[in-house]
Amino acid sequence: MKGLTVTRRSLLLGAGGAAVSPAVATTYKRVMTEHVVVVGAGVFGAWTAHHLQQQGHQVTLVDAHGPAHSRASSGGESRLTRAAYGKDAIYTRMARDSLPQWQALSAVSGLPILHQCGILFFFPTEEPYVGESIAAHKEFGLRTEVLDQAEMARRFPMIDFAGIRVGLYEPDFGALMARRSVQTLVERFVRAGGAYAKGAATPPTGPDGRLAQVRLANGEALAADRFVFALGPWFPKLFPDVIGERILPTRQEVFYFATPPGDRRFLPKAMPGWADFNGGDIFYGFPDLEGRGAKFAHDQHGVAVDPDTQDRRPTAAALDEIIAYRDRRFPSLRGAQLTGAEVCQYENSSNGDFLIDLHPRWSNVLLLGGGSGHGFKHGPEVGRYAAARLMGAAAPEPRFGLATKSATHKREVH
């Protein structure tokens, strides 16, 4: 991809060898160092802490359970990274600009973070999403291949494309190892001089104007010049009045299946990450990454949950639904052994757009969340923009504003 050629030497630009792409490093203007506390060490919080650190600020990163822990929306094995977003070209650009930063982190991580296996979207009709995605890819200089049914069947024989008319293939994207990437980023942040503390934040209080400190459940107070709250599904608990039902955690189940012994068709070099638009009822999945098995999920919002108390056991109904889909679209996996299952959550904003906005009462507090099931891939650019927004170096993006979020949920971003 044009503009994405990097070398290991060029990646080690931050203090202590913190991974950052040259393009990102040159965008910063050095400012007077401030102390910033970032609450939440998921993908959004970790990348924001990284970018603030690269600007020269003193940063303390706090999390109740640890980076990308098993209850977080950033936990788990893998996430797709792709640039097809139909009319929502803002996310196409963010995915494009995030990709070299993921490549940089992967280059210094030891174990792979980015598996560049490509992404295949396929559709039963040539709906507007297809043409809009192609136009956005052309605008941003992204490689995209438009495939017919016969070509998809030839190149990806592990999938039955019956009823499919058109596909979009993005060869430069693929799968991110979710937990590994966030933990690697935080480890490098600490090595470069950042502070990390394990602790549960309590709902912040104080007079209007500027927040002075955040208190942890153990009584410790963390004072700072500015604060970022990247709380994922815990936003409604810490900010019940400001956030309330504008962000809604929902239950999501994913399943892994063993591939046939010796069958190389399901390895990342042969099989892409994929999404079947299925007339609007989207299923998606991954190749067999690092021996875990082929991963399947239904991109449909589950029931609303509490991230602290929800039952993490998979349901028979969800498994039956996935098996029925798997057997229809991946016939060589019929009867495949279930090798694993995970129950996580989306943290949905009301419309699917991110929340990156200042607190209405405290001018030195940034609210950062609303990943809505598609946010992980954008972590690097979300962090870059959030750091700039916090410091007053970036204009507000209306789509990320608190005012555009409501208690009525209707996802518009796919």
Protein backbone atom coordinates (compact mmCIF):
# COMPACT_ATOMS: atom_id res chain seq x y z
CA MET A 1 0.00 0.00 0.00
CA LYS A 2 1.34 3.44 -0.89
CA GLY A 3 2.69 5.26 2.14
CA LEU A 4 2.85 2.18 4.34
CA THR A 5 6.43 1.06 3.73
CA VAL A 6 8.22 1.06 7.06
CA THR A 7 11.42 -0.40 8.43
CA ARG A 8 12.17 -1.70 11.91
CA ARG A 9 14.72 1.10 12.38
CA SER A 10 12.20 3.82 11.50
CA LEU A 11 9.68 2.52 14.01
CA LEU A 12 11.78 3.00 17.11
CA LEU A 13 11.25 6.71 17.43
CA GLY A 14 9.76 7.12 20.89
CA ALA A 15 11.64 7.19 24.17
CA GLY A 16 12.62 3.69 25.16
CA GLY A 17 11.75 2.42 21.71
CA ALA A 18 8.02 3.09 21.95
CA ALA A 19 6.39 2.11 18.69
CA VAL A 20 5.08 5.00 16.61
CA SER A 21 5.01 5.53 12.88
CA PRO A 22 7.06 8.37 11.37
CA ALA A 23 3.93 9.95 9.91
CA VAL A 24 2.39 10.24 13.34
CA ALA A 25 5.55 11.46 15.06
CA THR A 26 5.92 14.42 12.73
CA THR A 27 2.40 15.73 13.38
CA TYR A 28 3.09 16.74 16.98
CA LYS A 29 4.13 20.17 18.16
CA ARG A 30 6.07 20.17 21.40
CA VAL A 31 4.07 21.81 24.16
CA MET A 32 4.62 22.46 27.84
CA THR A 33 4.44 19.15 29.64
CA GLU A 34 1.26 18.51 31.60
CA HIS A 35 0.24 15.61 33.77
CA VAL A 36 -2.63 13.60 32.29
CA VAL A 37 -4.46 10.74 33.94
CA VAL A 38 -6.07 8.28 31.50
CA VAL A 39 -8.65 6.03 33.16
CA GLY A 40 -9.15 2.82 31.18
CA ALA A 41 -6.40 0.73 29.57
CA GLY A 42 -8.36 -0.67 26.67
CA VAL A 43 -7.47 0.03 23.07
CA PHE A 44 -8.76 3.63 23.13
CA GLY A 45 -7.17 4.52 26.47
CA ALA A 46 -3.85 2.84 25.72
CA TRP A 47 -3.39 4.53 22.34
CA THR A 48 -4.41 7.89 23.81
CA ALA A 49 -1.83 7.48 26.59
CA HIS A 50 0.77 6.57 23.95
CA HIS A 51 0.09 9.66 21.83
CA LEU A 52 0.06 11.97 24.85
CA GLN A 53 3.38 10.48 25.88
CA GLN A 54 4.79 11.10 22.40
CA GLN A 55 3.78 14.76 22.77
CA GLY A 56 5.96 14.95 25.86
CA HIS A 57 3.34 14.85 28.58
CA GLN A 58 3.57 12.99 31.87
CA VAL A 59 0.90 10.31 31.67
CA THR A 60 -0.58 7.98 34.26
CA LEU A 61 -2.71 5.11 32.90
CA VAL A 62 -5.17 3.47 35.29
CA ASP A 63 -7.30 0.35 34.94
CA ALA A 64 -9.35 -1.64 37.43
CA HIS A 65 -8.41 -5.08 36.11
CA GLY A 66 -5.48 -4.69 33.69
CA PRO A 67 -4.91 -3.89 30.00
CA ALA A 68 -7.41 -5.69 27.74
CA HIS A 69 -8.60 -7.93 30.57
CA SER A 70 -11.22 -10.61 29.99
CA ARG A 71 -14.19 -8.41 30.91
CA ALA A 72 -13.14 -5.50 28.71
CA SER A 73 -14.44 -4.78 25.22
CA SER A 74 -10.77 -4.81 24.12
CA GLY A 75 -10.17 -8.30 25.54
CA GLY A 76 -10.30 -11.57 23.65
CA GLU A 77 -8.25 -13.01 20.83
CA SER A 78 -8.79 -11.10 17.62
CA ARG A 79 -10.41 -8.19 15.79
CA LEU A 80 -10.84 -7.46 12.10
CA THR A 81 -9.18 -4.40 10.63
CA ARG A 82 -10.81 -3.20 7.42
CA ALA A 83 -11.54 0.02 5.57
CA ALA A 84 -14.90 -0.70 3.89
CA TYR A 85 -17.49 1.51 5.55
CA GLY A 86 -19.87 2.46 2.75
CA LYS A 87 -20.86 6.11 2.99
CA ASP A 88 -19.04 6.59 6.32
CA ALA A 89 -15.73 7.61 4.76
CA ILE A 90 -14.55 9.16 8.03
CA TYR A 91 -13.95 5.60 9.28
CA THR A 92 -12.28 4.55 6.04
CA ARG A 93 -9.74 7.32 6.55
CA MET A 94 -9.23 6.42 10.21
CA ALA A 95 -8.69 2.75 9.33
CA ARG A 96 -6.18 3.71 6.65
CA ASP A 97 -4.26 6.01 9.00
CA SER A 98 -4.35 3.48 11.84
CA LEU A 99 -2.89 0.68 9.73
CA PRO A 100 0.77 1.85 9.66
CA GLN A 101 0.65 2.32 13.43
CA TRP A 102 -0.55 -1.27 13.88
CA GLN A 103 2.21 -2.39 11.53
CA ALA A 104 4.73 -0.47 13.60
CA LEU A 105 3.57 -2.05 16.84
CA SER A 106 3.54 -5.49 15.27
CA ALA A 107 7.10 -5.02 14.00
CA VAL A 108 8.46 -4.54 17.52
CA SER A 109 6.16 -6.82 19.53
CA GLY A 110 8.02 -10.10 19.23
CA LEU A 111 4.87 -12.07 18.40
CA PRO A 112 2.62 -10.90 15.54
CA ILE A 113 -0.05 -8.32 16.27
CA LEU A 114 -1.23 -7.83 12.70
CA HIS A 115 -1.89 -10.86 10.48
CA GLN A 116 -2.19 -9.33 7.02
CA CYS A 117 -4.48 -12.02 5.68
CA GLY A 118 -6.75 -9.64 3.77
CA ILE A 119 -10.45 -8.94 4.30
CA LEU A 120 -13.28 -10.17 2.10
CA PHE A 121 -16.77 -8.65 2.24
CA PHE A 122 -19.40 -10.39 0.16
CA PHE A 123 -22.94 -9.40 -0.77
CA PRO A 124 -26.03 -11.00 -2.36
CA THR A 125 -26.73 -7.76 -4.30
CA GLU A 126 -24.74 -4.78 -5.53
CA GLU A 127 -26.14 -2.57 -2.80
CA PRO A 128 -25.10 1.10 -2.32
CA TYR A 129 -22.62 0.09 0.41
CA VAL A 130 -20.47 -1.57 -2.27
CA GLY A 131 -20.22 1.44 -4.57
CA GLU A 132 -19.77 3.85 -1.67
CA SER A 133 -16.93 1.77 -0.25
CA ILE A 134 -15.21 1.57 -3.63
CA ALA A 135 -15.45 5.35 -4.04
CA ALA A 136 -13.99 5.96 -0.58
CA HIS A 137 -11.15 3.51 -1.20
CA LYS A 138 -10.31 5.30 -4.43
CA GLU A 139 -10.37 8.68 -2.69
CA PHE A 140 -7.96 7.50 0.01
CA GLY A 141 -5.65 5.52 -2.25
CA LEU A 142 -6.51 2.08 -0.86
CA ARG A 143 -6.12 -1.12 -2.82
CA THR A 144 -9.46 -2.86 -3.28
CA GLU A 145 -10.44 -5.67 -5.60
CA VAL A 146 -14.03 -6.11 -6.81
CA LEU A 147 -14.68 -9.83 -7.30
CA ASP A 148 -17.55 -11.73 -8.89
CA GLN A 149 -18.86 -15.03 -7.57
CA ALA A 150 -16.70 -17.18 -9.85
CA GLU A 151 -13.49 -15.40 -8.88
CA MET A 152 -14.28 -15.63 -5.17
CA ALA A 153 -15.00 -19.34 -5.48
CA ARG A 154 -11.69 -19.88 -7.27
CA ARG A 155 -9.59 -17.92 -4.80
CA PHE A 156 -11.37 -18.85 -1.58
CA PRO A 157 -12.59 -22.45 -1.98
CA MET A 158 -13.27 -22.88 1.74
CA ILE A 159 -16.40 -20.70 1.36
CA ASP A 160 -19.62 -21.58 -0.49
CA PHE A 161 -20.66 -18.41 -2.31
CA ALA A 162 -24.13 -19.61 -3.33
CA GLY A 163 -26.43 -16.60 -3.67
CA ILE A 164 -23.52 -14.14 -3.61
CA ARG A 165 -23.12 -11.63 -6.41
CA VAL A 166 -20.18 -9.36 -5.54
CA GLY A 167 -17.25 -9.21 -3.15
CA LEU A 168 -14.82 -6.54 -1.97
CA TYR A 169 -11.33 -7.77 -1.13
CA GLU A 170 -8.89 -5.58 0.85
CA PRO A 171 -5.45 -7.23 0.63
CA ASP A 172 -3.66 -4.79 2.95
CA PHE A 173 -5.86 -5.37 5.99
CA GLY A 174 -6.49 -8.43 8.14
CA ALA A 175 -6.67 -9.56 11.77
CA LEU A 176 -5.34 -7.94 14.93
CA MET A 177 -4.44 -9.96 18.00
CA ALA A 178 -6.51 -7.92 20.43
CA ARG A 179 -5.30 -8.68 23.94
CA ARG A 180 -1.69 -9.00 22.81
CA SER A 181 -1.71 -5.66 21.03
CA VAL A 182 -3.05 -3.66 23.98
CA GLN A 183 -0.77 -5.36 26.48
CA THR A 184 2.23 -4.78 24.20
CA LEU A 185 1.34 -1.12 23.78
CA VAL A 186 0.98 -0.59 27.53
CA GLU A 187 4.24 -2.44 28.22
CA ARG A 188 6.09 -0.16 25.79
CA PHE A 189 4.34 2.89 27.24
CA VAL A 190 5.66 1.98 30.71
CA ARG A 191 9.12 1.20 29.35
CA ALA A 192 9.17 4.67 27.79
CA GLY A 193 8.52 6.31 31.17
CA GLY A 194 4.74 6.22 31.49
CA ALA A 195 3.12 5.29 34.79
CA TYR A 196 0.59 2.49 35.09
CA ALA A 197 -1.58 1.87 38.16
CA LYS A 198 -4.10 -0.86 38.82
CA GLY A 199 -7.12 0.60 40.54
CA ALA A 200 -10.85 1.14 40.17
CA ALA A 201 -11.90 4.76 39.65
CA THR A 202 -14.94 6.10 41.46
CA PRO A 203 -17.43 8.56 39.91
CA PRO A 204 -15.62 11.91 39.78
CA THR A 205 -16.95 14.85 41.76
CA GLY A 206 -16.10 18.53 42.12
CA PRO A 207 -17.24 22.03 41.23
CA ASP A 208 -17.85 23.07 37.64
CA GLY A 209 -14.92 24.36 35.62
CA ARG A 210 -12.00 21.97 35.93
CA LEU A 211 -11.70 18.59 37.59
CA ALA A 212 -8.88 18.46 40.16
CA GLN A 213 -8.54 14.76 40.84
CA VAL A 214 -9.97 11.30 40.43
CA ARG A 215 -10.31 8.99 43.40
CA LEU A 216 -9.76 5.25 43.35
CA ALA A 217 -11.81 2.76 45.32
CA ASN A 218 -8.89 2.24 47.73
CA GLY A 219 -9.02 5.92 48.68
CA GLU A 220 -6.02 7.03 46.65
CA ALA A 221 -6.43 10.38 44.90
CA LEU A 222 -4.78 11.06 41.52
CA ALA A 223 -4.40 14.77 40.81
CA ALA A 224 -3.60 15.95 37.29
CA ASP A 225 -3.91 18.83 34.86
CA ARG A 226 -6.20 16.91 32.52
CA PHE A 227 -8.11 13.64 32.48
CA VAL A 228 -9.32 11.13 29.90
CA PHE A 229 -12.01 8.62 30.77
CA ALA A 230 -11.97 5.68 28.32
CA LEU A 231 -14.34 3.45 30.24
CA GLY A 232 -15.90 1.17 27.63
CA PRO A 233 -19.01 -0.54 29.03
CA TRP A 234 -18.44 1.04 32.47
CA PHE A 235 -19.28 4.55 31.23
CA PRO A 236 -22.91 4.47 32.43
CA LYS A 237 -21.72 3.51 35.93
CA LEU A 238 -19.19 6.30 36.40
CA PHE A 239 -21.16 8.97 34.54
CA PRO A 240 -24.83 8.04 35.02
CA ASP A 241 -26.13 11.59 34.47
CA VAL A 242 -23.99 12.59 31.50
CA ILE A 243 -23.81 9.22 29.72
CA GLY A 244 -26.74 7.21 31.07
CA GLU A 245 -28.23 5.11 28.28
CA ARG A 246 -26.29 6.89 25.54
CA ILE A 247 -23.81 4.01 25.77
CA LEU A 248 -25.34 0.56 26.12
CA PRO A 249 -23.31 -2.64 26.69
CA THR A 250 -24.75 -5.67 24.90
CA ARG A 251 -23.88 -9.35 25.13
CA GLN A 252 -21.93 -10.84 22.21
CA GLU A 253 -20.90 -14.47 21.68
CA VAL A 254 -18.14 -15.83 19.45
CA PHE A 255 -17.17 -19.43 18.70
CA TYR A 256 -14.08 -21.30 17.46
CA PHE A 257 -14.07 -24.55 15.49
CA ALA A 258 -11.31 -27.02 14.68
CA THR A 259 -10.30 -27.17 11.03
CA PRO A 260 -9.69 -30.49 9.23
CA PRO A 261 -6.28 -32.04 10.01
CA GLY A 262 -3.64 -30.93 7.55
CA ASP A 263 -6.09 -28.65 5.70
CA ARG A 264 -4.19 -25.48 4.81
CA ARG A 265 -7.18 -23.67 3.32
CA PHE A 266 -8.06 -22.16 6.71
CA LEU A 267 -4.62 -20.70 7.45
CA PRO A 268 -4.18 -16.91 7.22
CA LYS A 269 -2.08 -17.18 4.07
CA ALA A 270 -5.03 -18.80 2.28
CA MET A 271 -8.18 -17.63 4.05
CA PRO A 272 -9.05 -13.98 4.68
CA GLY A 273 -10.96 -12.40 7.46
CA TRP A 274 -14.48 -12.11 6.12
CA ALA A 275 -17.92 -10.60 6.55
CA ASP A 276 -21.08 -11.92 4.91
CA PHE A 277 -23.58 -9.08 4.61
CA ASN A 278 -26.31 -11.69 4.26
CA GLY A 279 -29.08 -9.26 3.31
CA GLY A 280 -28.23 -7.00 6.25
CA ASP A 281 -27.94 -9.77 8.86
CA ILE A 282 -24.16 -9.82 9.07
CA PHE A 283 -22.00 -12.78 10.06
CA TYR A 284 -18.22 -12.48 10.19
CA GLY A 285 -15.16 -14.52 11.02
CA PHE A 286 -11.45 -15.22 10.92
CA PRO A 287 -9.07 -17.83 9.60
CA ASP A 288 -7.35 -20.22 12.01
CA LEU A 289 -5.06 -17.77 13.80
CA GLU A 290 -2.20 -19.36 15.70
CA GLY A 291 -3.99 -22.71 16.05
CA ARG A 292 -7.06 -21.38 17.88
CA GLY A 293 -9.51 -22.52 15.20
CA ALA A 294 -11.75 -20.77 12.69
CA LYS A 295 -13.74 -18.04 14.45
CA PHE A 296 -17.39 -17.23 13.78
CA ALA A 297 -19.68 -14.50 15.13
CA HIS A 298 -23.05 -12.93 14.41
CA ASP A 299 -22.86 -9.12 14.22
CA GLN A 300 -26.19 -8.58 15.91
CA HIS A 301 -26.61 -6.71 19.17
CA GLY A 302 -27.44 -9.07 21.99
CA VAL A 303 -29.30 -8.29 25.18
CA ALA A 304 -28.21 -5.40 27.38
CA VAL A 305 -25.81 -6.50 30.13
CA ASP A 306 -23.82 -5.32 33.10
CA PRO A 307 -20.10 -5.96 32.38
CA ASP A 308 -19.48 -6.80 36.05
CA THR A 309 -22.22 -9.39 36.46
CA GLN A 310 -23.21 -10.80 33.07
CA ASP A 311 -23.07 -14.57 32.65
CA ARG A 312 -20.00 -15.37 30.57
CA ARG A 313 -21.19 -18.85 29.60
CA PRO A 314 -22.18 -19.27 25.93
CA THR A 315 -25.77 -20.18 25.13
CA ALA A 316 -26.95 -23.22 23.21
CA ALA A 317 -29.18 -21.01 21.05
CA ALA A 318 -26.27 -18.84 19.89
CA LEU A 319 -24.11 -21.89 19.17
CA ASP A 320 -26.90 -23.57 17.19
CA GLU A 321 -27.36 -20.40 15.12
CA ILE A 322 -23.64 -20.21 14.31
CA ILE A 323 -23.44 -23.91 13.44
CA ALA A 324 -26.39 -23.57 11.06
CA TYR A 325 -24.71 -20.65 9.34
CA ARG A 326 -21.30 -22.37 9.33
CA ASP A 327 -22.68 -25.53 7.74
CA ARG A 328 -24.35 -23.55 4.97
CA ARG A 329 -21.48 -21.26 4.07
CA PHE A 330 -18.45 -23.39 5.08
CA PRO A 331 -19.46 -26.96 4.14
CA SER A 332 -16.03 -28.47 4.82
CA LEU A 333 -16.47 -27.50 8.49
CA ARG A 334 -19.70 -29.46 8.95
CA GLY A 335 -19.36 -31.47 12.11
CA ALA A 336 -16.25 -29.55 13.19
CA GLN A 337 -15.40 -29.75 16.86
CA LEU A 338 -16.10 -26.68 18.98
CA THR A 339 -12.72 -25.65 20.39
CA GLY A 340 -13.64 -22.51 22.26
CA ALA A 341 -16.22 -19.81 22.96
CA GLU A 342 -16.13 -16.32 24.40
CA VAL A 343 -18.82 -14.05 25.77
CA CYS A 344 -17.88 -10.40 25.62
CA GLN A 345 -19.79 -7.19 24.95
CA TYR A 346 -20.10 -4.33 22.55
CA GLU A 347 -20.22 -0.87 24.16
CA ASN A 348 -22.66 0.73 21.77
CA SER A 349 -23.27 4.40 21.33
CA SER A 350 -26.81 5.19 20.24
CA ASN A 351 -25.87 5.58 16.55
CA GLY A 352 -22.61 3.64 16.27
CA ASP A 353 -20.39 6.74 16.10
CA PHE A 354 -17.61 7.14 18.64
CA LEU A 355 -17.83 9.45 21.63
CA ILE A 356 -14.80 11.77 21.75
CA ASP A 357 -15.86 14.97 23.45
CA LEU A 358 -15.19 17.20 26.43
CA HIS A 359 -17.25 16.78 29.57
CA PRO A 360 -20.05 19.39 29.72
CA ARG A 361 -19.01 20.49 33.23
CA TRP A 362 -15.23 20.08 33.21
CA SER A 363 -13.20 21.59 30.39
CA ASN A 364 -10.14 19.47 31.22
CA VAL A 365 -11.96 16.11 30.98
CA LEU A 366 -12.33 14.11 27.76
CA LEU A 367 -14.95 11.38 27.43
CA LEU A 368 -13.75 8.64 25.08
CA GLY A 369 -15.74 5.54 24.12
CA GLY A 370 -18.60 4.16 22.09
CA GLY A 371 -16.53 1.62 20.15
CA SER A 372 -19.81 -0.02 19.13
CA GLY A 373 -18.26 -3.28 17.99
CA HIS A 374 -16.18 -1.72 15.22
CA GLY A 375 -13.84 0.57 17.15
CA PHE A 376 -10.82 -1.61 17.90
CA LYS A 377 -9.17 -1.24 14.49
CA HIS A 378 -9.30 2.55 14.82
CA GLY A 379 -7.47 2.65 18.15
CA PRO A 380 -4.32 4.41 16.89
CA GLU A 381 -6.20 7.22 15.16
CA VAL A 382 -8.76 7.51 17.96
CA GLY A 383 -5.85 7.96 20.36
CA ARG A 384 -4.16 10.55 18.15
CA TYR A 385 -7.35 12.57 17.74
CA ALA A 386 -8.32 12.22 21.42
CA ALA A 387 -4.92 13.50 22.55
CA ALA A 388 -5.22 16.50 20.24
CA ARG A 389 -8.82 17.17 21.25
CA LEU A 390 -7.93 17.10 24.94
CA MET A 391 -5.14 19.65 24.42
CA GLY A 392 -7.21 21.94 22.23
CA ALA A 393 -5.19 21.14 19.12
CA ALA A 394 -8.07 19.56 17.16
CA ALA A 395 -11.48 20.92 16.25
CA PRO A 396 -14.57 19.09 17.50
CA GLU A 397 -15.84 16.42 15.10
CA PRO A 398 -19.66 16.69 15.24
CA ARG A 399 -20.16 12.97 14.74
CA PHE A 400 -18.12 12.25 17.87
CA GLY A 401 -19.95 14.82 19.99
CA LEU A 402 -21.95 14.01 23.10
CA ALA A 403 -24.90 15.96 21.66
CA THR A 404 -25.31 13.41 18.86
CA LYS A 405 -25.85 10.54 21.31
CA SER A 406 -29.26 9.74 22.77
CA ALA A 407 -31.01 7.10 24.82
CA THR A 408 -32.72 5.78 21.66
CA HIS A 409 -30.43 3.28 19.98
CA LYS A 410 -30.32 2.75 16.22
CA ARG A 411 -26.95 1.74 14.82
CA GLU A 412 -26.15 3.51 11.56
CA VAL A 413 -22.45 2.60 11.16
CA HIS A 414 -21.53 -0.81 9.71
